[in-house]
Amino acid sequence: MRWALVKVALAVTVMVVVAFAVPLGLVIKEMARDRAFTNAERQAAAIGTSLSITTDRAQLDRAVASTQAGAAGRLAVHVPAPPGEGGRAMEIGRGRATGEDLDTVRRVPRASTTEVPGGYALLQPTAISTGQIAIVEVYVPEDEVTNGLTTAWLVLAGVGLALVVGSVAVADRLGLRMVQPARRLARAAHDLGEGHLGARVPEDGPAELKSAAVAFNSMADQVVQLLANERELAADLSHRLRTPLTVLRLNAASLGEGPAAEQTRAAVEQLEREVDTIIRTAREAKPQTRAAGPGAGCDASEVVRERMEFWSALAEDEGRKVRLAGVDRPVRIPVARPELVAALDALLGNVFRHTPEGTAFSVDVHNGEDAVIVLVSDAGPGIADPDAALARGNSGARDGSTGLGLDIVRRVAESTGGDVRIGHSVLGGTEVRVWIGLGGRGGAARGRRRGRGVSRRRRAAA
């Protein structure tokens, strides 16, 4: 917008300057010409007065020499021969006009101007005592006709340039006054979109942008209030879970000893920790899933082995075959341990929840240079609509599911620049591929290509 205003001001000012400067330059040129010929006419009139009194050569020589033009050799007097025989025409000074021009002026006795080498000649007819027409010729050099014209044109050009520069500067200031509030508004909108809820815009500038700033600040305040209300609601709802959790913990304590009892007590403790984390996160207004800093993260192999050990007891009870691969060596990923645990539990919980008992499943971890791929495959009936499965939340079409399990997995992957995809596994059912980036979004993209190659090789081996 700023440069558009500058261009418009520049174009308009240039057109105005040209429209006025060109005619004015021509007028200045004509004025310089008139000034030169008016001076010549004045000197010719002075000699004409002497001619009307006498035609004596000596007196005319003195009269011509007394003028400025005569002293400079630019004035001549042409006196025709007197009537009668033996008379001779008299020429005083240096004449430049041709005889044809002189005869024309004598036939039509009025002043005229003719071009001669190096300039112009003013021919002024004057009646003498013999009744004939004498002609006073004044030579006007070309440089005298254009005297001062170059300076005047330069001054005119300078004034025009100053007008153009001034208009551009004013337009630039006006454009900046309009653009700065718009830039502040765009920057604040970007900051708000990035999660900086304290972003606000100064309510100044033109009336329209000021109204937009007021509306933006009001919207930002409402967003902050809505998020605060949502956090309080999440914290309150999570806090209500403490009572049934306390009952579960007491009941689990009365189960006695044994693997099943220990697993139940461990699950209750983990559930209590998750509820505490939800309440704390909601109160502190900090996201649960965020990019880990340098040195943060966990060992994916260790977490996968631990969670598979936890779920293996249930798998054994339901007669499920389990295969685990790629966890024989440490695999560091930029994801906090609790978040990876939640993601794996969501994936494995979906296998147990949505496939019949006895359905086999497998977990594979592939470690690349710039991405880690976790594949959870099963031999179940598969997912008819993967896009709907990846959609956040449950509209009521899927009984017994909140629709948030895969969303948790996706948020963990996207926090590292990766993503989640659903396809067909080599076991005949569903394969959930989770890409966890190790070096930004570019690394995740390369990891996805490597993951597709791994999947194709596994299908070929099958």
Protein backbone atom coordinates (compact mmCIF):
# COMPACT_ATOMS: atom_id res chain seq x y z
CA MET A 1 0.00 0.00 0.00
CA ARG A 2 2.81 2.39 0.85
CA TRP A 3 4.57 1.98 -2.49
CA ALA A 4 1.24 2.14 -4.34
CA LEU A 5 0.55 5.57 -2.83
CA VAL A 6 4.07 6.72 -3.69
CA LYS A 7 3.65 5.57 -7.31
CA VAL A 8 0.28 7.32 -7.64
CA ALA A 9 1.67 10.55 -6.18
CA LEU A 10 4.70 10.33 -8.46
CA ALA A 11 2.59 9.79 -11.58
CA VAL A 12 0.13 12.60 -10.75
CA THR A 13 2.86 15.08 -9.84
CA VAL A 14 4.89 14.34 -12.98
CA MET A 15 1.82 14.87 -15.16
CA VAL A 16 1.02 18.17 -13.42
CA VAL A 17 4.63 19.38 -13.67
CA VAL A 18 4.81 18.49 -17.37
CA ALA A 19 1.44 20.12 -18.06
CA PHE A 20 2.60 23.40 -16.53
CA ALA A 21 6.36 23.36 -17.13
CA VAL A 22 6.30 22.78 -20.91
CA PRO A 23 3.97 25.73 -21.73
CA LEU A 24 5.79 27.90 -19.19
CA GLY A 25 9.13 27.03 -20.80
CA LEU A 26 7.79 28.06 -24.20
CA VAL A 27 6.48 31.33 -22.73
CA ILE A 28 9.90 32.04 -21.22
CA LYS A 29 11.51 31.41 -24.60
CA GLU A 30 9.10 33.83 -26.29
CA MET A 31 9.69 36.45 -23.62
CA ALA A 32 13.46 36.25 -24.15
CA ARG A 33 12.95 36.70 -27.90
CA ASP A 34 10.61 39.66 -27.41
CA ARG A 35 13.09 41.28 -25.03
CA ALA A 36 15.90 41.06 -27.60
CA PHE A 37 13.81 42.48 -30.48
CA THR A 38 12.30 45.20 -28.30
CA ASN A 39 15.82 46.44 -27.52
CA ALA A 40 16.66 46.34 -31.24
CA GLU A 41 13.53 48.33 -32.10
CA ARG A 42 14.46 50.97 -29.52
CA GLN A 43 17.90 51.44 -31.06
CA ALA A 44 16.43 51.51 -34.58
CA ALA A 45 13.95 54.20 -33.47
CA ALA A 46 16.84 56.36 -32.20
CA ILE A 47 18.49 56.28 -35.66
CA GLY A 48 15.10 56.82 -37.33
CA THR A 49 14.79 60.16 -35.52
CA SER A 50 18.14 61.30 -36.98
CA LEU A 51 17.13 60.13 -40.51
CA SER A 52 13.93 62.15 -40.40
CA ILE A 53 16.06 65.28 -39.78
CA THR A 54 19.10 64.79 -42.03
CA THR A 55 20.68 62.37 -44.44
CA ASP A 56 24.17 63.78 -44.04
CA ARG A 57 26.60 60.91 -43.83
CA ALA A 58 28.83 62.46 -41.21
CA GLN A 59 25.96 63.14 -38.88
CA LEU A 60 24.50 59.68 -39.46
CA ASP A 61 27.90 58.12 -38.75
CA ARG A 62 28.01 59.92 -35.42
CA ALA A 63 24.44 58.86 -34.61
CA VAL A 64 25.14 55.22 -35.43
CA ALA A 65 28.35 55.22 -33.40
CA SER A 66 26.54 56.66 -30.40
CA THR A 67 24.23 53.66 -30.12
CA GLN A 68 25.13 50.42 -28.39
CA ALA A 69 24.40 48.34 -31.45
CA GLY A 70 26.32 50.71 -33.71
CA ALA A 71 29.35 50.60 -31.44
CA ALA A 72 29.20 46.78 -31.58
CA GLY A 73 28.98 46.78 -35.39
CA ARG A 74 25.42 45.46 -35.42
CA LEU A 75 23.59 48.49 -36.81
CA ALA A 76 23.39 49.59 -40.48
CA VAL A 77 21.50 52.33 -42.34
CA HIS A 78 20.38 51.91 -45.94
CA VAL A 79 19.57 55.27 -47.60
CA PRO A 80 18.30 55.07 -51.22
CA ALA A 81 19.76 57.25 -53.98
CA PRO A 82 18.06 60.67 -54.21
CA PRO A 83 15.82 61.31 -57.23
CA GLY A 84 17.52 62.62 -60.32
CA GLU A 85 20.59 61.61 -62.21
CA GLY A 86 23.95 61.08 -60.60
CA GLY A 87 22.60 60.23 -57.13
CA ARG A 88 24.11 57.31 -55.22
CA ALA A 89 22.64 55.15 -52.47
CA MET A 90 24.32 55.43 -49.08
CA GLU A 91 25.19 52.49 -46.87
CA ILE A 92 26.32 53.16 -43.30
CA GLY A 93 27.56 50.30 -41.11
CA ARG A 94 27.68 46.62 -41.93
CA GLY A 95 24.48 45.32 -43.49
CA ARG A 96 23.52 41.63 -43.32
CA ALA A 97 20.08 41.59 -44.94
CA THR A 98 19.77 40.80 -48.63
CA GLY A 99 18.70 43.33 -51.25
CA GLU A 100 15.47 41.39 -51.78
CA ASP A 101 14.54 41.78 -48.12
CA LEU A 102 15.28 45.52 -48.29
CA ASP A 103 13.13 45.95 -51.41
CA THR A 104 10.28 44.08 -49.75
CA VAL A 105 10.32 46.43 -46.76
CA ARG A 106 10.41 49.50 -49.05
CA ARG A 107 7.37 48.26 -51.01
CA VAL A 108 5.44 47.57 -47.84
CA PRO A 109 6.85 50.09 -45.35
CA ARG A 110 6.53 48.23 -42.08
CA ALA A 111 9.06 46.69 -39.74
CA SER A 112 9.97 43.05 -40.30
CA THR A 113 12.42 40.45 -39.08
CA THR A 114 14.46 38.17 -41.28
CA GLU A 115 16.93 35.41 -40.59
CA VAL A 116 20.56 36.08 -41.41
CA PRO A 117 23.71 34.02 -40.75
CA GLY A 118 24.29 33.86 -36.98
CA GLY A 119 21.01 35.43 -35.92
CA TYR A 120 18.26 37.78 -37.05
CA ALA A 121 18.03 41.23 -38.67
CA LEU A 122 15.37 43.78 -37.68
CA LEU A 123 14.49 46.01 -40.65
CA GLN A 124 12.84 49.29 -39.60
CA PRO A 125 11.62 51.58 -42.48
CA THR A 126 11.88 55.38 -41.98
CA ALA A 127 10.64 58.19 -44.30
CA ILE A 128 13.30 60.78 -45.16
CA SER A 129 13.08 64.34 -46.45
CA THR A 130 13.20 63.28 -50.10
CA GLY A 131 10.01 61.30 -49.62
CA GLN A 132 11.82 58.02 -50.00
CA ILE A 133 12.11 55.13 -47.50
CA ALA A 134 15.38 54.56 -45.68
CA ILE A 135 15.85 51.33 -43.74
CA VAL A 136 17.56 50.94 -40.36
CA GLU A 137 18.91 47.43 -39.93
CA VAL A 138 19.71 46.11 -36.43
CA TYR A 139 21.45 42.74 -36.16
CA VAL A 140 20.32 40.54 -33.26
CA PRO A 141 22.70 37.60 -32.59
CA GLU A 142 21.25 34.16 -31.74
CA ASP A 143 22.81 34.14 -28.27
CA GLU A 144 21.06 37.42 -27.43
CA VAL A 145 17.69 35.93 -28.41
CA THR A 146 18.31 32.98 -26.06
CA ASN A 147 20.08 35.01 -23.36
CA GLY A 148 19.06 33.73 -19.89
CA LEU A 149 16.84 31.03 -21.40
CA THR A 150 19.02 28.11 -20.19
CA THR A 151 19.12 29.46 -16.64
CA ALA A 152 15.36 29.96 -16.62
CA TRP A 153 14.75 26.44 -17.90
CA LEU A 154 17.12 24.99 -15.28
CA VAL A 155 15.32 26.88 -12.53
CA LEU A 156 12.00 25.66 -13.89
CA ALA A 157 13.27 22.07 -14.01
CA GLY A 158 14.61 22.38 -10.46
CA VAL A 159 11.25 23.65 -9.20
CA GLY A 160 9.47 20.78 -10.98
CA LEU A 161 11.88 18.21 -9.54
CA ALA A 162 11.44 19.71 -6.07
CA LEU A 163 7.67 19.42 -6.45
CA VAL A 164 7.99 15.77 -7.50
CA VAL A 165 10.33 14.92 -4.63
CA GLY A 166 8.16 16.79 -2.15
CA SER A 167 4.98 15.04 -3.28
CA VAL A 168 6.70 11.63 -3.11
CA ALA A 169 7.98 12.39 0.40
CA VAL A 170 4.52 13.49 1.56
CA ALA A 171 2.90 10.41 -0.03
CA ASP A 172 5.51 8.19 1.61
CA ARG A 173 4.81 9.70 5.03
CA LEU A 174 1.06 9.32 4.54
CA GLY A 175 1.53 5.76 3.29
CA LEU A 176 3.75 4.94 6.26
CA ARG A 177 1.10 6.32 8.59
CA MET A 178 -1.38 3.90 7.03
CA VAL A 179 0.96 0.94 6.63
CA GLN A 180 2.46 0.89 10.12
CA PRO A 181 -0.86 0.22 11.90
CA ALA A 182 -1.67 -2.45 9.30
CA ARG A 183 1.72 -4.10 9.86
CA ARG A 184 1.25 -3.99 13.63
CA LEU A 185 -2.18 -5.58 13.22
CA ALA A 186 -0.79 -8.34 10.97
CA ARG A 187 2.12 -8.98 13.36
CA ALA A 188 -0.21 -9.16 16.36
CA ALA A 189 -2.53 -11.55 14.49
CA HIS A 190 0.47 -13.75 13.65
CA ASP A 191 1.65 -13.70 17.28
CA LEU A 192 -1.82 -14.58 18.50
CA GLY A 193 -1.94 -17.45 16.03
CA GLU A 194 1.42 -18.66 17.35
CA GLY A 195 -0.02 -18.82 20.85
CA HIS A 196 1.15 -15.49 22.30
CA LEU A 197 -2.12 -14.59 23.97
CA GLY A 198 -0.77 -11.27 25.25
CA ALA A 199 -0.47 -9.84 21.73
CA ARG A 200 -2.34 -6.53 21.42
CA VAL A 201 -2.41 -3.66 18.91
CA PRO A 202 -2.10 0.08 19.71
CA GLU A 203 -5.45 1.66 18.89
CA ASP A 204 -4.19 4.50 16.69
CA GLY A 205 -3.79 5.39 13.01
CA PRO A 206 -6.55 6.05 10.44
CA ALA A 207 -10.14 5.60 11.57
CA GLU A 208 -10.64 2.32 9.70
CA LEU A 209 -7.45 0.74 11.04
CA LYS A 210 -8.18 2.07 14.49
CA SER A 211 -11.56 0.32 14.40
CA ALA A 212 -9.84 -2.88 13.23
CA ALA A 213 -7.35 -2.60 16.12
CA VAL A 214 -10.17 -2.15 18.64
CA ALA A 215 -11.97 -5.19 17.21
CA PHE A 216 -8.77 -7.27 17.27
CA ASN A 217 -8.02 -6.39 20.89
CA SER A 218 -11.58 -7.22 21.86
CA MET A 219 -11.34 -10.56 20.03
CA ALA A 220 -8.02 -11.36 21.72
CA ASP A 221 -9.50 -10.61 25.15
CA GLN A 222 -12.43 -12.91 24.40
CA VAL A 223 -10.06 -15.67 23.23
CA VAL A 224 -8.07 -15.39 26.46
CA GLN A 225 -11.26 -15.50 28.50
CA LEU A 226 -12.60 -18.50 26.58
CA LEU A 227 -9.33 -20.39 26.99
CA ALA A 228 -9.26 -19.56 30.69
CA ASN A 229 -12.82 -20.86 31.06
CA GLU A 230 -11.92 -23.99 29.11
CA ARG A 231 -8.87 -24.63 31.31
CA GLU A 232 -10.93 -24.19 34.45
CA LEU A 233 -13.58 -26.55 33.11
CA ALA A 234 -10.96 -29.18 32.21
CA ALA A 235 -9.38 -28.84 35.63
CA ASP A 236 -12.75 -29.12 37.38
CA LEU A 237 -13.82 -32.14 35.35
CA SER A 238 -10.46 -33.81 35.97
CA HIS A 239 -10.72 -33.06 39.67
CA ARG A 240 -14.05 -34.86 39.82
CA LEU A 241 -12.26 -38.03 38.76
CA ARG A 242 -10.35 -38.10 42.04
CA THR A 243 -13.27 -39.59 43.98
CA PRO A 244 -13.78 -42.66 41.76
CA LEU A 245 -10.00 -43.02 41.52
CA THR A 246 -9.77 -43.14 45.30
CA VAL A 247 -12.35 -45.92 45.34
CA LEU A 248 -10.42 -47.81 42.67
CA ARG A 249 -7.18 -47.41 44.60
CA LEU A 250 -8.78 -48.75 47.79
CA ASN A 251 -10.32 -51.67 45.94
CA ALA A 252 -7.01 -52.43 44.23
CA ALA A 253 -5.25 -52.46 47.59
CA SER A 254 -7.63 -55.19 48.77
CA LEU A 255 -6.88 -57.49 45.84
CA GLY A 256 -3.98 -59.08 47.63
CA GLU A 257 -0.84 -60.28 45.87
CA GLY A 258 -0.35 -61.53 42.34
CA PRO A 259 0.54 -60.26 38.83
CA ALA A 260 -3.02 -59.13 38.03
CA ALA A 261 -3.32 -57.23 41.31
CA GLU A 262 0.04 -55.53 40.81
CA GLN A 263 -0.90 -54.53 37.26
CA THR A 264 -4.23 -53.16 38.46
CA ARG A 265 -2.56 -51.10 41.20
CA ALA A 266 0.05 -49.84 38.71
CA ALA A 267 -2.70 -48.82 36.27
CA VAL A 268 -4.57 -46.96 39.01
CA GLU A 269 -1.39 -45.13 40.04
CA GLN A 270 -0.67 -44.20 36.45
CA LEU A 271 -4.25 -42.97 36.02
CA GLU A 272 -3.86 -40.82 39.13
CA ARG A 273 -0.65 -39.34 37.74
CA GLU A 274 -2.31 -38.58 34.42
CA VAL A 275 -5.23 -36.87 36.15
CA ASP A 276 -2.78 -34.82 38.24
CA THR A 277 -0.91 -33.88 35.07
CA ILE A 278 -4.13 -32.78 33.38
CA ILE A 279 -5.15 -30.64 36.35
CA ARG A 280 -1.69 -29.09 36.68
CA THR A 281 -1.42 -28.41 32.97
CA ALA A 282 -4.87 -26.85 32.83
CA ARG A 283 -4.13 -24.62 35.81
CA GLU A 284 -0.75 -23.52 34.48
CA ALA A 285 -2.10 -22.98 30.94
CA LYS A 286 0.78 -24.96 29.44
CA PRO A 287 0.30 -27.43 26.59
CA GLN A 288 0.85 -31.09 27.39
CA THR A 289 2.64 -31.76 24.14
CA ARG A 290 5.49 -29.47 23.15
CA ALA A 291 8.81 -29.76 21.41
CA ALA A 292 11.54 -31.01 23.70
CA GLY A 293 14.62 -28.89 24.20
CA PRO A 294 18.23 -29.98 23.70
CA GLY A 295 19.04 -33.03 25.78
CA ALA A 296 15.36 -33.74 26.56
CA GLY A 297 13.37 -36.72 25.35
CA CYS A 298 13.46 -40.41 26.11
CA ASP A 299 14.58 -43.82 24.87
CA ALA A 300 11.81 -45.07 22.59
CA SER A 301 13.05 -48.68 22.77
CA GLU A 302 12.90 -48.72 26.55
CA VAL A 303 9.41 -47.20 26.64
CA VAL A 304 8.11 -49.63 24.00
CA ARG A 305 9.53 -52.63 25.88
CA GLU A 306 7.99 -51.42 29.13
CA ARG A 307 4.54 -50.82 27.66
CA MET A 308 4.59 -54.12 25.77
CA GLU A 309 5.44 -55.89 29.02
CA PHE A 310 2.46 -54.16 30.60
CA TRP A 311 0.05 -55.15 27.80
CA SER A 312 1.48 -58.64 27.29
CA ALA A 313 -0.42 -60.04 30.29
CA LEU A 314 -3.73 -58.97 28.78
CA ALA A 315 -2.64 -60.24 25.38
CA GLU A 316 -1.83 -63.62 26.89
CA ASP A 317 -5.22 -63.78 28.57
CA GLU A 318 -6.96 -63.06 25.23
CA GLY A 319 -4.79 -65.46 23.28
CA ARG A 320 -3.13 -62.83 21.08
CA LYS A 321 0.18 -63.42 19.37
CA VAL A 322 2.55 -60.50 19.89
CA ARG A 323 5.69 -59.61 17.91
CA LEU A 324 8.14 -56.91 18.94
CA ALA A 325 11.04 -55.74 16.75
CA GLY A 326 13.59 -52.90 16.56
CA VAL A 327 13.95 -52.36 20.33
CA ASP A 328 17.24 -54.17 20.86
CA ARG A 329 19.23 -50.92 21.02
CA PRO A 330 18.56 -47.40 22.42
CA VAL A 331 16.58 -45.01 20.19
CA ARG A 332 16.54 -41.41 21.43
CA ILE A 333 13.58 -39.25 20.38
CA PRO A 334 12.69 -35.64 21.27
CA VAL A 335 9.49 -36.63 23.10
CA ALA A 336 8.96 -36.64 26.86
CA ARG A 337 8.53 -40.08 28.36
CA PRO A 338 4.98 -39.54 29.74
CA GLU A 339 3.81 -38.32 26.32
CA LEU A 340 5.26 -41.34 24.50
CA VAL A 341 3.72 -43.64 27.12
CA ALA A 342 0.32 -42.02 26.57
CA ALA A 343 0.66 -42.35 22.79
CA LEU A 344 1.66 -46.03 22.91
CA ASP A 345 -1.11 -46.85 25.37
CA ALA A 346 -3.60 -45.15 23.07
CA LEU A 347 -2.41 -47.22 20.08
CA LEU A 348 -2.28 -50.54 21.93
CA GLY A 349 -5.54 -49.82 23.70
CA ASN A 350 -7.21 -49.35 20.31
CA VAL A 351 -5.93 -52.78 19.23
CA PHE A 352 -7.48 -54.49 22.26
CA ARG A 353 -10.65 -52.40 22.07
CA HIS A 354 -11.44 -52.65 18.35
CA THR A 355 -10.22 -56.13 17.37
CA PRO A 356 -11.61 -59.54 18.46
CA GLU A 357 -9.84 -61.65 21.05
CA GLY A 358 -7.09 -63.80 19.59
CA THR A 359 -6.14 -61.16 16.97
CA ALA A 360 -2.37 -60.96 16.57
CA PHE A 361 -0.54 -57.63 16.56
CA SER A 362 3.02 -56.34 16.32
CA VAL A 363 5.07 -53.26 17.22
CA ASP A 364 8.11 -52.30 15.11
CA VAL A 365 10.55 -49.44 15.74
CA HIS A 366 12.67 -48.24 12.79
CA ASN A 367 15.50 -45.85 13.61
CA GLY A 368 16.68 -43.56 10.78
CA GLU A 369 19.11 -40.68 10.56
CA ASP A 370 16.46 -38.01 10.81
CA ALA A 371 13.27 -39.80 11.88
CA VAL A 372 12.02 -42.69 14.02
CA ILE A 373 9.08 -44.70 12.75
CA VAL A 374 6.83 -46.66 15.08
CA LEU A 375 4.55 -49.19 13.33
CA VAL A 376 1.63 -50.75 15.22
CA SER A 377 0.03 -53.49 13.08
CA ASP A 378 -2.78 -55.92 13.73
CA ALA A 379 -4.61 -58.74 11.96
CA GLY A 380 -8.07 -57.35 12.71
CA PRO A 381 -10.84 -56.28 10.35
CA GLY A 382 -9.11 -52.97 9.50
CA ILE A 383 -10.45 -49.42 9.44
CA ALA A 384 -12.98 -48.62 6.75
CA ASP A 385 -12.52 -44.82 6.90
CA PRO A 386 -8.98 -43.79 7.99
CA ASP A 387 -9.74 -40.08 7.60
CA ALA A 388 -12.67 -40.29 9.98
CA ALA A 389 -10.53 -42.25 12.44
CA LEU A 390 -7.92 -39.49 12.41
CA ALA A 391 -10.53 -36.78 12.92
CA ARG A 392 -10.43 -35.32 16.40
CA GLY A 393 -13.29 -36.22 18.72
CA ASN A 394 -16.27 -38.52 18.37
CA SER A 395 -19.55 -37.26 16.96
CA GLY A 396 -21.36 -40.26 18.40
CA ALA A 397 -20.88 -42.66 15.50
CA ARG A 398 -18.25 -44.76 17.34
CA ASP A 399 -19.59 -46.34 20.51
CA GLY A 400 -17.20 -46.66 23.42
CA SER A 401 -14.68 -44.22 21.94
CA THR A 402 -13.97 -40.55 22.58
CA GLY A 403 -12.04 -40.24 19.34
CA LEU A 404 -9.08 -38.68 21.18
CA GLY A 405 -6.69 -41.64 21.20
CA LEU A 406 -5.24 -41.12 17.74
CA ASP A 407 -5.35 -37.37 18.32
CA ILE A 408 -2.97 -37.81 21.27
CA VAL A 409 -0.65 -39.81 19.02
CA ARG A 410 -0.85 -37.22 16.29
CA ARG A 411 -0.05 -34.33 18.62
CA VAL A 412 3.01 -36.19 19.89
CA ALA A 413 4.21 -36.78 16.32
CA GLU A 414 3.44 -33.26 15.09
CA SER A 415 5.32 -31.72 18.03
CA THR A 416 8.49 -33.10 16.40
CA GLY A 417 7.50 -32.21 12.82
CA GLY A 418 6.14 -35.69 12.04
CA ASP A 419 2.66 -37.04 11.47
CA VAL A 420 0.45 -40.14 11.65
CA ARG A 421 -0.98 -42.25 8.82
CA ILE A 422 -3.26 -45.27 8.71
CA GLY A 423 -2.84 -48.04 6.14
CA HIS A 424 -3.10 -51.78 5.63
CA SER A 425 -0.69 -53.99 7.53
CA VAL A 426 1.09 -57.13 6.36
CA LEU A 427 -0.99 -59.00 8.95
CA GLY A 428 -4.12 -58.16 7.01
CA GLY A 429 -5.57 -55.52 9.30
CA THR A 430 -4.66 -51.97 10.25
CA GLU A 431 -1.21 -50.42 10.35
CA VAL A 432 -0.71 -47.11 12.17
CA ARG A 433 2.56 -45.46 11.15
CA VAL A 434 3.87 -42.77 13.48
CA TRP A 435 6.72 -40.60 12.21
CA ILE A 436 8.71 -38.86 14.92
CA GLY A 437 11.08 -36.29 13.48
CA LEU A 438 14.61 -35.97 14.77
CA GLY A 439 15.60 -32.86 12.81
CA GLY A 440 12.55 -30.72 12.00
CA ARG A 441 9.91 -31.03 9.31
CA GLY A 442 12.38 -31.71 6.52
CA GLY A 443 13.71 -34.67 8.48
CA ALA A 444 10.21 -35.95 9.09
CA ALA A 445 9.44 -35.79 5.37
CA ARG A 446 12.52 -37.86 4.57
CA GLY A 447 11.53 -40.24 7.36
CA ARG A 448 8.10 -40.68 5.80
CA ARG A 449 9.65 -41.65 2.47
CA ARG A 450 11.94 -44.10 4.25
CA GLY A 451 8.92 -45.45 6.17
CA ARG A 452 7.04 -46.16 2.97
CA GLY A 453 10.07 -48.05 1.70
CA VAL A 454 10.19 -50.07 4.92
CA SER A 455 6.50 -50.89 4.62
CA ARG A 456 6.90 -52.05 1.03
CA ARG A 457 9.83 -54.27 1.99
CA ARG A 458 7.83 -55.81 4.81
CA ARG A 459 4.95 -56.58 2.44
CA ALA A 460 7.36 -58.14 -0.06
CA ALA A 461 8.92 -60.27 2.68
CA ALA A 462 5.46 -61.38 3.77
